[in-house]
PDB file of all heavy atoms in Angstrom:
ATOM      1  N   VAL A   1      96.151 -48.118 -71.983  1.00  0.00           N
ATOM      2  CA  VAL A   1      94.827 -48.236 -71.652  1.00  0.00           C
ATOM      3  C   VAL A   1      94.663 -48.093 -70.113  1.00  0.00           C
ATOM      4  O   VAL A   1      95.283 -48.861 -69.379  1.00  0.00           O
ATOM      5  CB  VAL A   1      94.221 -49.620 -72.053  1.00  0.00           C
ATOM      6  CG1 VAL A   1      92.836 -49.792 -71.769  1.00  0.00           C
ATOM      7  CG2 VAL A   1      94.485 -49.802 -73.549  1.00  0.00           C
ATOM      8  N   VAL A   2      93.994 -46.995 -69.713  1.00  0.00           N
ATOM      9  CA  VAL A   2      93.981 -46.698 -68.399  1.00  0.00           C
ATOM     10  C   VAL A   2      92.580 -46.440 -67.725  1.00  0.00           C
ATOM     11  O   VAL A   2      91.575 -45.758 -68.293  1.00  0.00           O
ATOM     12  CB  VAL A   2      94.704 -45.285 -68.249  1.00  0.00           C
ATOM     13  CG1 VAL A   2      94.628 -44.739 -66.709  1.00  0.00           C
ATOM     14  CG2 VAL A   2      96.047 -45.269 -68.696  1.00  0.00           C
ATOM     15  N   ASP A   3      92.354 -47.202 -66.756  1.00  0.00           N
ATOM     16  CA  ASP A   3      90.986 -47.128 -65.984  1.00  0.00           C
ATOM     17  C   ASP A   3      91.013 -45.827 -65.158  1.00  0.00           C
ATOM     18  O   ASP A   3      92.061 -45.320 -64.805  1.00  0.00           O
ATOM     19  CB  ASP A   3      90.875 -48.307 -65.010  1.00  0.00           C
ATOM     20  CG  ASP A   3      89.596 -48.357 -64.374  1.00  0.00           C
ATOM     21  OD1 ASP A   3      88.674 -47.970 -64.861  1.00  0.00           O
ATOM     22  OD2 ASP A   3      89.558 -48.870 -63.175  1.00  0.00           O
ATOM     23  N   VAL A   4      89.775 -45.320 -64.937  1.00  0.00           N
ATOM     24  CA  VAL A   4      89.621 -44.089 -64.328  1.00  0.00           C
ATOM     25  C   VAL A   4      89.687 -44.324 -62.749  1.00  0.00           C
ATOM     26  O   VAL A   4      90.385 -43.670 -61.939  1.00  0.00           O
ATOM     27  CB  VAL A   4      88.250 -43.440 -64.527  1.00  0.00           C
ATOM     28  CG1 VAL A   4      87.992 -42.226 -63.620  1.00  0.00           C
ATOM     29  CG2 VAL A   4      88.355 -42.949 -65.865  1.00  0.00           C
ATOM     30  N   MET A   5      88.963 -45.357 -62.172  1.00  0.00           N
ATOM     31  CA  MET A   5      88.976 -45.669 -60.646  1.00  0.00           C
ATOM     32  C   MET A   5      90.168 -46.427 -60.346  1.00  0.00           C
ATOM     33  O   MET A   5      89.994 -47.771 -60.366  1.00  0.00           O
ATOM     34  CB  MET A   5      87.647 -46.222 -60.353  1.00  0.00           C
ATOM     35  CG  MET A   5      86.367 -45.328 -60.591  1.00  0.00           C
ATOM     36  SD  MET A   5      86.455 -43.851 -59.699  1.00  0.00           S
ATOM     37  CE  MET A   5      86.117 -44.484 -58.077  1.00  0.00           C
ATOM     38  N   LEU A   6      91.244 -46.002 -59.920  1.00  0.00           N
ATOM     39  CA  LEU A   6      92.459 -46.704 -59.601  1.00  0.00           C
ATOM     40  C   LEU A   6      92.908 -46.403 -58.196  1.00  0.00           C
ATOM     41  O   LEU A   6      92.610 -45.217 -57.686  1.00  0.00           O
ATOM     42  CB  LEU A   6      93.593 -46.355 -60.542  1.00  0.00           C
ATOM     43  CG  LEU A   6      93.485 -46.656 -61.963  1.00  0.00           C
ATOM     44  CD1 LEU A   6      94.509 -46.026 -62.801  1.00  0.00           C
ATOM     45  CD2 LEU A   6      93.595 -48.289 -62.139  1.00  0.00           C
ATOM     46  N   PRO A   7      93.465 -47.234 -57.396  1.00  0.00           N
ATOM     47  CA  PRO A   7      93.999 -47.009 -56.082  1.00  0.00           C
ATOM     48  C   PRO A   7      95.259 -46.136 -56.133  1.00  0.00           C
ATOM     49  O   PRO A   7      95.905 -46.057 -57.235  1.00  0.00           O
ATOM     50  CB  PRO A   7      94.325 -48.341 -55.519  1.00  0.00           C
ATOM     51  CG  PRO A   7      94.344 -49.203 -56.689  1.00  0.00           C
ATOM     52  CD  PRO A   7      93.592 -48.690 -57.740  1.00  0.00           C
ATOM     53  N   LYS A   8      95.611 -45.480 -55.091  1.00  0.00           N
ATOM     54  CA  LYS A   8      96.757 -44.603 -55.018  1.00  0.00           C
ATOM     55  C   LYS A   8      96.769 -43.409 -55.922  1.00  0.00           C
ATOM     56  O   LYS A   8      97.033 -42.191 -55.396  1.00  0.00           O
ATOM     57  CB  LYS A   8      98.013 -45.347 -55.408  1.00  0.00           C
ATOM     58  CG  LYS A   8      98.302 -46.544 -54.311  1.00  0.00           C
ATOM     59  CD  LYS A   8      99.609 -47.194 -54.602  1.00  0.00           C
ATOM     60  CE  LYS A   8      99.759 -48.363 -53.553  1.00  0.00           C
ATOM     61  NZ  LYS A   8     101.091 -49.111 -53.715  1.00  0.00           N
ATOM     62  N   LEU A   9      96.406 -43.455 -57.067  1.00  0.00           N
ATOM     63  CA  LEU A   9      96.199 -42.370 -57.987  1.00  0.00           C
ATOM     64  C   LEU A   9      95.204 -42.602 -59.112  1.00  0.00           C
ATOM     65  O   LEU A   9      95.485 -43.654 -59.767  1.00  0.00           O
ATOM     66  CB  LEU A   9      97.647 -41.952 -58.769  1.00  0.00           C
ATOM     67  CG  LEU A   9      97.698 -40.828 -59.690  1.00  0.00           C
ATOM     68  CD1 LEU A   9      97.370 -39.555 -58.998  1.00  0.00           C
ATOM     69  CD2 LEU A   9      99.060 -40.859 -60.413  1.00  0.00           C
ATOM     70  N   ASP A  10      94.124 -41.918 -59.109  1.00  0.00           N
ATOM     71  CA  ASP A  10      93.162 -42.152 -60.141  1.00  0.00           C
ATOM     72  C   ASP A  10      93.657 -41.944 -61.592  1.00  0.00           C
ATOM     73  O   ASP A  10      94.677 -41.159 -61.782  1.00  0.00           O
ATOM     74  CB  ASP A  10      91.739 -41.525 -59.795  1.00  0.00           C
ATOM     75  CG  ASP A  10      91.787 -40.045 -59.996  1.00  0.00           C
ATOM     76  OD1 ASP A  10      92.550 -39.625 -60.939  1.00  0.00           O
ATOM     77  OD2 ASP A  10      91.252 -39.348 -59.228  1.00  0.00           O
ATOM     78  N   GLY A  11      92.865 -42.448 -62.555  1.00  0.00           N
ATOM     79  CA  GLY A  11      93.308 -42.442 -63.880  1.00  0.00           C
ATOM     80  C   GLY A  11      93.418 -40.998 -64.392  1.00  0.00           C
ATOM     81  O   GLY A  11      94.253 -40.697 -65.251  1.00  0.00           O
ATOM     82  N   LEU A  12      92.489 -40.103 -64.070  1.00  0.00           N
ATOM     83  CA  LEU A  12      92.490 -38.701 -64.528  1.00  0.00           C
ATOM     84  C   LEU A  12      93.694 -37.898 -63.946  1.00  0.00           C
ATOM     85  O   LEU A  12      94.288 -37.283 -64.640  1.00  0.00           O
ATOM     86  CB  LEU A  12      91.223 -38.008 -64.202  1.00  0.00           C
ATOM     87  CG  LEU A  12      89.968 -38.606 -64.770  1.00  0.00           C
ATOM     88  CD1 LEU A  12      88.729 -37.702 -64.492  1.00  0.00           C
ATOM     89  CD2 LEU A  12      90.072 -38.847 -66.292  1.00  0.00           C
ATOM     90  N   GLY A  13      94.013 -38.351 -62.703  1.00  0.00           N
ATOM     91  CA  GLY A  13      95.186 -37.707 -62.164  1.00  0.00           C
ATOM     92  C   GLY A  13      96.447 -38.184 -62.812  1.00  0.00           C
ATOM     93  O   GLY A  13      97.361 -37.401 -63.024  1.00  0.00           O
ATOM     94  N   LEU A  14      96.495 -39.446 -63.142  1.00  0.00           N
ATOM     95  CA  LEU A  14      97.674 -39.938 -63.881  1.00  0.00           C
ATOM     96  C   LEU A  14      97.790 -39.299 -65.226  1.00  0.00           C
ATOM     97  O   LEU A  14      98.895 -38.857 -65.566  1.00  0.00           O
ATOM     98  CB  LEU A  14      97.416 -41.450 -64.081  1.00  0.00           C
ATOM     99  CG  LEU A  14      98.519 -42.262 -64.748  1.00  0.00           C
ATOM    100  CD1 LEU A  14      98.327 -43.804 -64.389  1.00  0.00           C
ATOM    101  CD2 LEU A  14      98.504 -42.184 -66.258  1.00  0.00           C
ATOM    102  N   LEU A  15      96.713 -39.092 -65.917  1.00  0.00           N
ATOM    103  CA  LEU A  15      96.692 -38.438 -67.123  1.00  0.00           C
ATOM    104  C   LEU A  15      97.213 -36.962 -67.063  1.00  0.00           C
ATOM    105  O   LEU A  15      97.978 -36.547 -67.866  1.00  0.00           O
ATOM    106  CB  LEU A  15      95.328 -38.441 -67.769  1.00  0.00           C
ATOM    107  CG  LEU A  15      94.993 -39.658 -68.763  1.00  0.00           C
ATOM    108  CD1 LEU A  15      93.447 -39.652 -69.005  1.00  0.00           C
ATOM    109  CD2 LEU A  15      95.808 -39.599 -70.044  1.00  0.00           C
ATOM    110  N   ARG A  16      96.733 -36.274 -66.204  1.00  0.00           N
ATOM    111  CA  ARG A  16      97.014 -34.780 -65.870  1.00  0.00           C
ATOM    112  C   ARG A  16      98.543 -34.774 -65.685  1.00  0.00           C
ATOM    113  O   ARG A  16      99.248 -33.880 -66.160  1.00  0.00           O
ATOM    114  CB  ARG A  16      96.333 -34.246 -64.809  1.00  0.00           C
ATOM    115  CG  ARG A  16      94.793 -34.012 -65.008  1.00  0.00           C
ATOM    116  CD  ARG A  16      94.076 -33.275 -63.975  1.00  0.00           C
ATOM    117  NE  ARG A  16      92.616 -33.212 -64.251  1.00  0.00           N
ATOM    118  CZ  ARG A  16      91.659 -34.013 -63.624  1.00  0.00           C
ATOM    119  NH1 ARG A  16      92.152 -34.919 -62.724  1.00  0.00           N
ATOM    120  NH2 ARG A  16      90.458 -33.863 -63.865  1.00  0.00           N
ATOM    121  N   GLN A  17      99.092 -35.624 -64.859  1.00  0.00           N
ATOM    122  CA  GLN A  17     100.502 -35.622 -64.559  1.00  0.00           C
ATOM    123  C   GLN A  17     101.324 -35.949 -65.845  1.00  0.00           C
ATOM    124  O   GLN A  17     102.326 -35.352 -66.071  1.00  0.00           O
ATOM    125  CB  GLN A  17     100.881 -36.530 -63.307  1.00  0.00           C
ATOM    126  CG  GLN A  17     100.320 -36.151 -62.140  1.00  0.00           C
ATOM    127  CD  GLN A  17     100.992 -36.883 -60.979  1.00  0.00           C
ATOM    128  OE1 GLN A  17     102.277 -37.039 -60.876  1.00  0.00           O
ATOM    129  NE2 GLN A  17     100.195 -37.201 -59.945  1.00  0.00           N
ATOM    130  N   LEU A  18     100.894 -36.931 -66.657  1.00  0.00           N
ATOM    131  CA  LEU A  18     101.567 -37.321 -67.880  1.00  0.00           C
ATOM    132  C   LEU A  18     101.687 -36.073 -68.810  1.00  0.00           C
ATOM    133  O   LEU A  18     102.679 -35.803 -69.322  1.00  0.00           O
ATOM    134  CB  LEU A  18     100.861 -38.504 -68.627  1.00  0.00           C
ATOM    135  CG  LEU A  18     101.141 -39.827 -68.127  1.00  0.00           C
ATOM    136  CD1 LEU A  18     100.319 -40.831 -68.901  1.00  0.00           C
ATOM    137  CD2 LEU A  18     102.709 -40.111 -68.121  1.00  0.00           C
ATOM    138  N   ARG A  19     100.465 -35.416 -68.997  1.00  0.00           N
ATOM    139  CA  ARG A  19     100.365 -34.304 -69.906  1.00  0.00           C
ATOM    140  C   ARG A  19     101.123 -33.073 -69.315  1.00  0.00           C
ATOM    141  O   ARG A  19     101.847 -32.326 -70.136  1.00  0.00           O
ATOM    142  CB  ARG A  19      98.975 -33.879 -70.215  1.00  0.00           C
ATOM    143  CG  ARG A  19      98.140 -34.978 -70.798  1.00  0.00           C
ATOM    144  CD  ARG A  19      98.894 -35.831 -71.865  1.00  0.00           C
ATOM    145  NE  ARG A  19      98.042 -36.759 -72.579  1.00  0.00           N
ATOM    146  CZ  ARG A  19      98.447 -37.973 -73.055  1.00  0.00           C
ATOM    147  NH1 ARG A  19      99.746 -38.187 -73.026  1.00  0.00           N
ATOM    148  NH2 ARG A  19      97.642 -38.786 -73.621  1.00  0.00           N
ATOM    149  N   ALA A  20     101.221 -32.865 -68.018  1.00  0.00           N
ATOM    150  CA  ALA A  20     102.012 -31.818 -67.463  1.00  0.00           C
ATOM    151  C   ALA A  20     103.497 -32.029 -67.590  1.00  0.00           C
ATOM    152  O   ALA A  20     104.157 -31.016 -67.816  1.00  0.00           O
ATOM    153  CB  ALA A  20     101.669 -31.659 -65.992  1.00  0.00           C
ATOM    154  N   ARG A  21     103.869 -33.221 -67.800  1.00  0.00           N
ATOM    155  CA  ARG A  21     105.251 -33.584 -67.988  1.00  0.00           C
ATOM    156  C   ARG A  21     105.510 -33.836 -69.394  1.00  0.00           C
ATOM    157  O   ARG A  21     106.593 -34.309 -69.831  1.00  0.00           O
ATOM    158  CB  ARG A  21     105.675 -34.804 -67.154  1.00  0.00           C
ATOM    159  CG  ARG A  21     105.435 -34.641 -65.644  1.00  0.00           C
ATOM    160  CD  ARG A  21     105.635 -35.838 -64.888  1.00  0.00           C
ATOM    161  NE  ARG A  21     105.093 -35.683 -63.487  1.00  0.00           N
ATOM    162  CZ  ARG A  21     105.187 -36.629 -62.507  1.00  0.00           C
ATOM    163  NH1 ARG A  21     105.685 -37.894 -62.878  1.00  0.00           N
ATOM    164  NH2 ARG A  21     104.711 -36.286 -61.255  1.00  0.00           N
ATOM    165  N   ARG A  22     104.605 -33.410 -70.339  1.00  0.00           N
ATOM    166  CA  ARG A  22     104.723 -33.471 -71.685  1.00  0.00           C
ATOM    167  C   ARG A  22     105.069 -34.875 -72.224  1.00  0.00           C
ATOM    168  O   ARG A  22     105.792 -35.155 -73.180  1.00  0.00           O
ATOM    169  CB  ARG A  22     105.842 -32.567 -72.203  1.00  0.00           C
ATOM    170  CG  ARG A  22     105.611 -31.083 -71.806  1.00  0.00           C
ATOM    171  CD  ARG A  22     106.578 -30.149 -72.487  1.00  0.00           C
ATOM    172  NE  ARG A  22     106.354 -28.749 -72.082  1.00  0.00           N
ATOM    173  CZ  ARG A  22     105.427 -27.945 -72.579  1.00  0.00           C
ATOM    174  NH1 ARG A  22     104.691 -28.356 -73.538  1.00  0.00           N
ATOM    175  NH2 ARG A  22     105.257 -26.735 -72.169  1.00  0.00           N
ATOM    176  N   VAL A  23     104.440 -35.862 -71.657  1.00  0.00           N
ATOM    177  CA  VAL A  23     104.539 -37.192 -72.168  1.00  0.00           C
ATOM    178  C   VAL A  23     103.320 -37.413 -73.147  1.00  0.00           C
ATOM    179  O   VAL A  23     102.197 -37.352 -72.762  1.00  0.00           O
ATOM    180  CB  VAL A  23     104.248 -38.323 -71.046  1.00  0.00           C
ATOM    181  CG1 VAL A  23     104.413 -39.677 -71.595  1.00  0.00           C
ATOM    182  CG2 VAL A  23     105.492 -38.144 -69.940  1.00  0.00           C
ATOM    183  N   ALA A  24     103.628 -37.679 -74.385  1.00  0.00           N
ATOM    184  CA  ALA A  24     102.747 -37.638 -75.428  1.00  0.00           C
ATOM    185  C   ALA A  24     102.108 -38.907 -75.821  1.00  0.00           C
ATOM    186  O   ALA A  24     101.456 -39.237 -76.766  1.00  0.00           O
ATOM    187  CB  ALA A  24     103.330 -37.125 -76.828  1.00  0.00           C
ATOM    188  N   LEU A  25     102.207 -39.887 -74.919  1.00  0.00           N
ATOM    189  CA  LEU A  25     101.856 -41.208 -75.054  1.00  0.00           C
ATOM    190  C   LEU A  25     100.281 -41.293 -75.290  1.00  0.00           C
ATOM    191  O   LEU A  25      99.418 -40.721 -74.428  1.00  0.00           O
ATOM    192  CB  LEU A  25     102.023 -42.136 -73.799  1.00  0.00           C
ATOM    193  CG  LEU A  25     101.363 -43.440 -73.582  1.00  0.00           C
ATOM    194  CD1 LEU A  25     102.131 -44.416 -74.692  1.00  0.00           C
ATOM    195  CD2 LEU A  25     101.763 -44.096 -72.301  1.00  0.00           C
ATOM    196  N   PRO A  26      99.745 -41.832 -76.403  1.00  0.00           N
ATOM    197  CA  PRO A  26      98.241 -41.978 -76.592  1.00  0.00           C
ATOM    198  C   PRO A  26      97.652 -42.765 -75.469  1.00  0.00           C
ATOM    199  O   PRO A  26      98.169 -43.909 -75.169  1.00  0.00           O
ATOM    200  CB  PRO A  26      98.217 -42.678 -77.883  1.00  0.00           C
ATOM    201  CG  PRO A  26      99.576 -42.413 -78.608  1.00  0.00           C
ATOM    202  CD  PRO A  26     100.514 -42.399 -77.511  1.00  0.00           C
ATOM    203  N   VAL A  27      96.451 -42.345 -75.095  1.00  0.00           N
ATOM    204  CA  VAL A  27      95.877 -43.061 -73.943  1.00  0.00           C
ATOM    205  C   VAL A  27      94.340 -43.220 -74.169  1.00  0.00           C
ATOM    206  O   VAL A  27      93.630 -42.178 -74.559  1.00  0.00           O
ATOM    207  CB  VAL A  27      95.888 -42.141 -72.648  1.00  0.00           C
ATOM    208  CG1 VAL A  27      95.156 -42.941 -71.424  1.00  0.00           C
ATOM    209  CG2 VAL A  27      97.484 -42.128 -72.238  1.00  0.00           C
ATOM    210  N   ILE A  28      93.927 -44.443 -73.958  1.00  0.00           N
ATOM    211  CA  ILE A  28      92.477 -44.701 -74.057  1.00  0.00           C
ATOM    212  C   ILE A  28      91.997 -44.870 -72.624  1.00  0.00           C
ATOM    213  O   ILE A  28      92.514 -45.652 -71.845  1.00  0.00           O
ATOM    214  CB  ILE A  28      92.199 -46.041 -74.778  1.00  0.00           C
ATOM    215  CG1 ILE A  28      92.548 -45.992 -76.276  1.00  0.00           C
ATOM    216  CG2 ILE A  28      90.700 -46.442 -74.805  1.00  0.00           C
ATOM    217  CD1 ILE A  28      92.378 -47.244 -77.019  1.00  0.00           C
ATOM    218  N   ILE A  29      90.904 -44.231 -72.255  1.00  0.00           N
ATOM    219  CA  ILE A  29      90.389 -44.193 -70.845  1.00  0.00           C
ATOM    220  C   ILE A  29      89.378 -45.303 -70.836  1.00  0.00           C
ATOM    221  O   ILE A  29      88.419 -45.296 -71.760  1.00  0.00           O
ATOM    222  CB  ILE A  29      89.799 -42.830 -70.553  1.00  0.00           C
ATOM    223  CG1 ILE A  29      90.914 -41.790 -70.555  1.00  0.00           C
ATOM    224  CG2 ILE A  29      89.154 -42.930 -69.106  1.00  0.00           C
ATOM    225  CD1 ILE A  29      90.360 -40.350 -70.372  1.00  0.00           C
ATOM    226  N   LEU A  30      89.345 -46.095 -69.787  1.00  0.00           N
ATOM    227  CA  LEU A  30      88.338 -47.181 -69.568  1.00  0.00           C
ATOM    228  C   LEU A  30      87.617 -46.602 -68.336  1.00  0.00           C
ATOM    229  O   LEU A  30      88.168 -46.230 -67.295  1.00  0.00           O
ATOM    230  CB  LEU A  30      88.943 -48.484 -69.164  1.00  0.00           C
ATOM    231  CG  LEU A  30      89.602 -49.293 -70.382  1.00  0.00           C
ATOM    232  CD1 LEU A  30      90.080 -50.546 -69.825  1.00  0.00           C
ATOM    233  CD2 LEU A  30      88.710 -49.339 -71.523  1.00  0.00           C
ATOM    234  N   SER A  31      86.157 -46.686 -68.379  1.00  0.00           N
ATOM    235  CA  SER A  31      85.526 -46.223 -67.264  1.00  0.00           C
ATOM    236  C   SER A  31      84.039 -46.780 -67.229  1.00  0.00           C
ATOM    237  O   SER A  31      83.508 -46.985 -68.301  1.00  0.00           O
ATOM    238  CB  SER A  31      85.512 -44.629 -67.250  1.00  0.00           C
ATOM    239  OG  SER A  31      84.579 -44.254 -66.131  1.00  0.00           O
ATOM    240  N   ALA A  32      83.491 -47.033 -66.045  1.00  0.00           N
ATOM    241  CA  ALA A  32      82.044 -47.450 -65.978  1.00  0.00           C
ATOM    242  C   ALA A  32      81.216 -46.092 -66.093  1.00  0.00           C
ATOM    243  O   ALA A  32      80.015 -46.348 -66.143  1.00  0.00           O
ATOM    244  CB  ALA A  32      81.921 -48.119 -64.649  1.00  0.00           C
ATOM    245  N   ARG A  33      81.734 -44.968 -65.933  1.00  0.00           N
ATOM    246  CA  ARG A  33      80.997 -43.763 -65.994  1.00  0.00           C
ATOM    247  C   ARG A  33      80.784 -43.483 -67.374  1.00  0.00           C
ATOM    248  O   ARG A  33      81.699 -43.118 -68.255  1.00  0.00           O
ATOM    249  CB  ARG A  33      81.816 -42.622 -65.273  1.00  0.00           C
ATOM    250  CG  ARG A  33      81.993 -42.881 -63.880  1.00  0.00           C
ATOM    251  CD  ARG A  33      82.947 -41.865 -63.204  1.00  0.00           C
ATOM    252  NE  ARG A  33      83.135 -42.029 -61.782  1.00  0.00           N
ATOM    253  CZ  ARG A  33      84.046 -41.324 -61.169  1.00  0.00           C
ATOM    254  NH1 ARG A  33      84.666 -40.400 -61.644  1.00  0.00           N
ATOM    255  NH2 ARG A  33      84.099 -41.547 -59.825  1.00  0.00           N
ATOM    256  N   ALA A  34      79.515 -43.289 -67.723  1.00  0.00           N
ATOM    257  CA  ALA A  34      79.173 -43.178 -69.304  1.00  0.00           C
ATOM    258  C   ALA A  34      78.455 -41.855 -69.704  1.00  0.00           C
ATOM    259  O   ALA A  34      78.103 -41.650 -70.794  1.00  0.00           O
ATOM    260  CB  ALA A  34      78.261 -44.330 -69.669  1.00  0.00           C
ATOM    261  N   THR A  35      78.338 -40.892 -68.619  1.00  0.00           N
ATOM    262  CA  THR A  35      77.779 -39.683 -69.015  1.00  0.00           C
ATOM    263  C   THR A  35      78.617 -38.778 -69.838  1.00  0.00           C
ATOM    264  O   THR A  35      79.887 -38.904 -69.981  1.00  0.00           O
ATOM    265  CB  THR A  35      77.463 -38.773 -67.730  1.00  0.00           C
ATOM    266  OG1 THR A  35      78.582 -38.279 -67.179  1.00  0.00           O
ATOM    267  CG2 THR A  35      76.717 -39.735 -66.714  1.00  0.00           C
ATOM    268  N   VAL A  36      77.894 -37.856 -70.580  1.00  0.00           N
ATOM    269  CA  VAL A  36      78.713 -36.909 -71.458  1.00  0.00           C
ATOM    270  C   VAL A  36      79.789 -36.092 -70.640  1.00  0.00           C
ATOM    271  O   VAL A  36      80.898 -35.899 -71.093  1.00  0.00           O
ATOM    272  CB  VAL A  36      77.775 -35.919 -72.128  1.00  0.00           C
ATOM    273  CG1 VAL A  36      78.560 -34.828 -72.908  1.00  0.00           C
ATOM    274  CG2 VAL A  36      76.809 -36.714 -73.051  1.00  0.00           C
ATOM    275  N   ASP A  37      79.387 -35.695 -69.472  1.00  0.00           N
ATOM    276  CA  ASP A  37      80.224 -34.999 -68.565  1.00  0.00           C
ATOM    277  C   ASP A  37      81.413 -35.761 -68.206  1.00  0.00           C
ATOM    278  O   ASP A  37      82.602 -35.209 -68.217  1.00  0.00           O
ATOM    279  CB  ASP A  37      79.579 -34.409 -67.302  1.00  0.00           C
ATOM    280  CG  ASP A  37      78.612 -33.211 -67.495  1.00  0.00           C
ATOM    281  OD1 ASP A  37      78.704 -32.644 -68.572  1.00  0.00           O
ATOM    282  OD2 ASP A  37      77.713 -32.978 -66.692  1.00  0.00           O
ATOM    283  N   ASP A  38      81.359 -36.996 -67.992  1.00  0.00           N
ATOM    284  CA  ASP A  38      82.399 -37.857 -67.585  1.00  0.00           C
ATOM    285  C   ASP A  38      83.448 -38.020 -68.758  1.00  0.00           C
ATOM    286  O   ASP A  38      84.749 -38.003 -68.597  1.00  0.00           O
ATOM    287  CB  ASP A  38      81.987 -39.288 -67.057  1.00  0.00           C
ATOM    288  CG  ASP A  38      81.302 -39.268 -65.740  1.00  0.00           C
ATOM    289  OD1 ASP A  38      81.809 -38.453 -64.914  1.00  0.00           O
ATOM    290  OD2 ASP A  38      80.261 -39.908 -65.603  1.00  0.00           O
ATOM    291  N   ARG A  39      82.863 -38.171 -69.982  1.00  0.00           N
ATOM    292  CA  ARG A  39      83.729 -38.322 -71.252  1.00  0.00           C
ATOM    293  C   ARG A  39      84.509 -37.014 -71.419  1.00  0.00           C
ATOM    294  O   ARG A  39      85.654 -37.085 -71.747  1.00  0.00           O
ATOM    295  CB  ARG A  39      82.820 -38.725 -72.396  1.00  0.00           C
ATOM    296  CG  ARG A  39      82.240 -40.149 -72.281  1.00  0.00           C
ATOM    297  CD  ARG A  39      81.777 -40.621 -73.626  1.00  0.00           C
ATOM    298  NE  ARG A  39      80.729 -39.864 -74.253  1.00  0.00           N
ATOM    299  CZ  ARG A  39      79.411 -40.036 -73.910  1.00  0.00           C
ATOM    300  NH1 ARG A  39      79.064 -41.014 -73.080  1.00  0.00           N
ATOM    301  NH2 ARG A  39      78.480 -39.209 -74.497  1.00  0.00           N
ATOM    302  N   ILE A  40      83.805 -35.986 -71.173  1.00  0.00           N
ATOM    303  CA  ILE A  40      84.344 -34.617 -71.415  1.00  0.00           C
ATOM    304  C   ILE A  40      85.585 -34.293 -70.448  1.00  0.00           C
ATOM    305  O   ILE A  40      86.675 -33.975 -70.878  1.00  0.00           O
ATOM    306  CB  ILE A  40      83.378 -33.430 -71.395  1.00  0.00           C
ATOM    307  CG1 ILE A  40      82.400 -33.410 -72.440  1.00  0.00           C
ATOM    308  CG2 ILE A  40      84.090 -32.155 -71.166  1.00  0.00           C
ATOM    309  CD1 ILE A  40      81.334 -32.408 -72.309  1.00  0.00           C
ATOM    310  N   LYS A  41      85.370 -34.813 -69.156  1.00  0.00           N
ATOM    311  CA  LYS A  41      86.366 -34.645 -68.135  1.00  0.00           C
ATOM    312  C   LYS A  41      87.584 -35.476 -68.545  1.00  0.00           C
ATOM    313  O   LYS A  41      88.829 -35.149 -68.417  1.00  0.00           O
ATOM    314  CB  LYS A  41      85.937 -35.054 -66.815  1.00  0.00           C
ATOM    315  CG  LYS A  41      84.979 -34.133 -66.144  1.00  0.00           C
ATOM    316  CD  LYS A  41      84.546 -34.595 -64.875  1.00  0.00           C
ATOM    317  CE  LYS A  41      83.439 -33.664 -64.259  1.00  0.00           C
ATOM    318  NZ  LYS A  41      82.797 -34.113 -62.880  1.00  0.00           N
TER     319      LYS A  41
END
């Protein structure tokens, strides 16, 4: 369970690095941002 707004490395950056390294861990994103664009990102 990963928040988007994180210090040092944000949640989306964390996710991109995991997927780039082929880590298939299922991830639920937590965020205060509720727009369709935010969910798509």
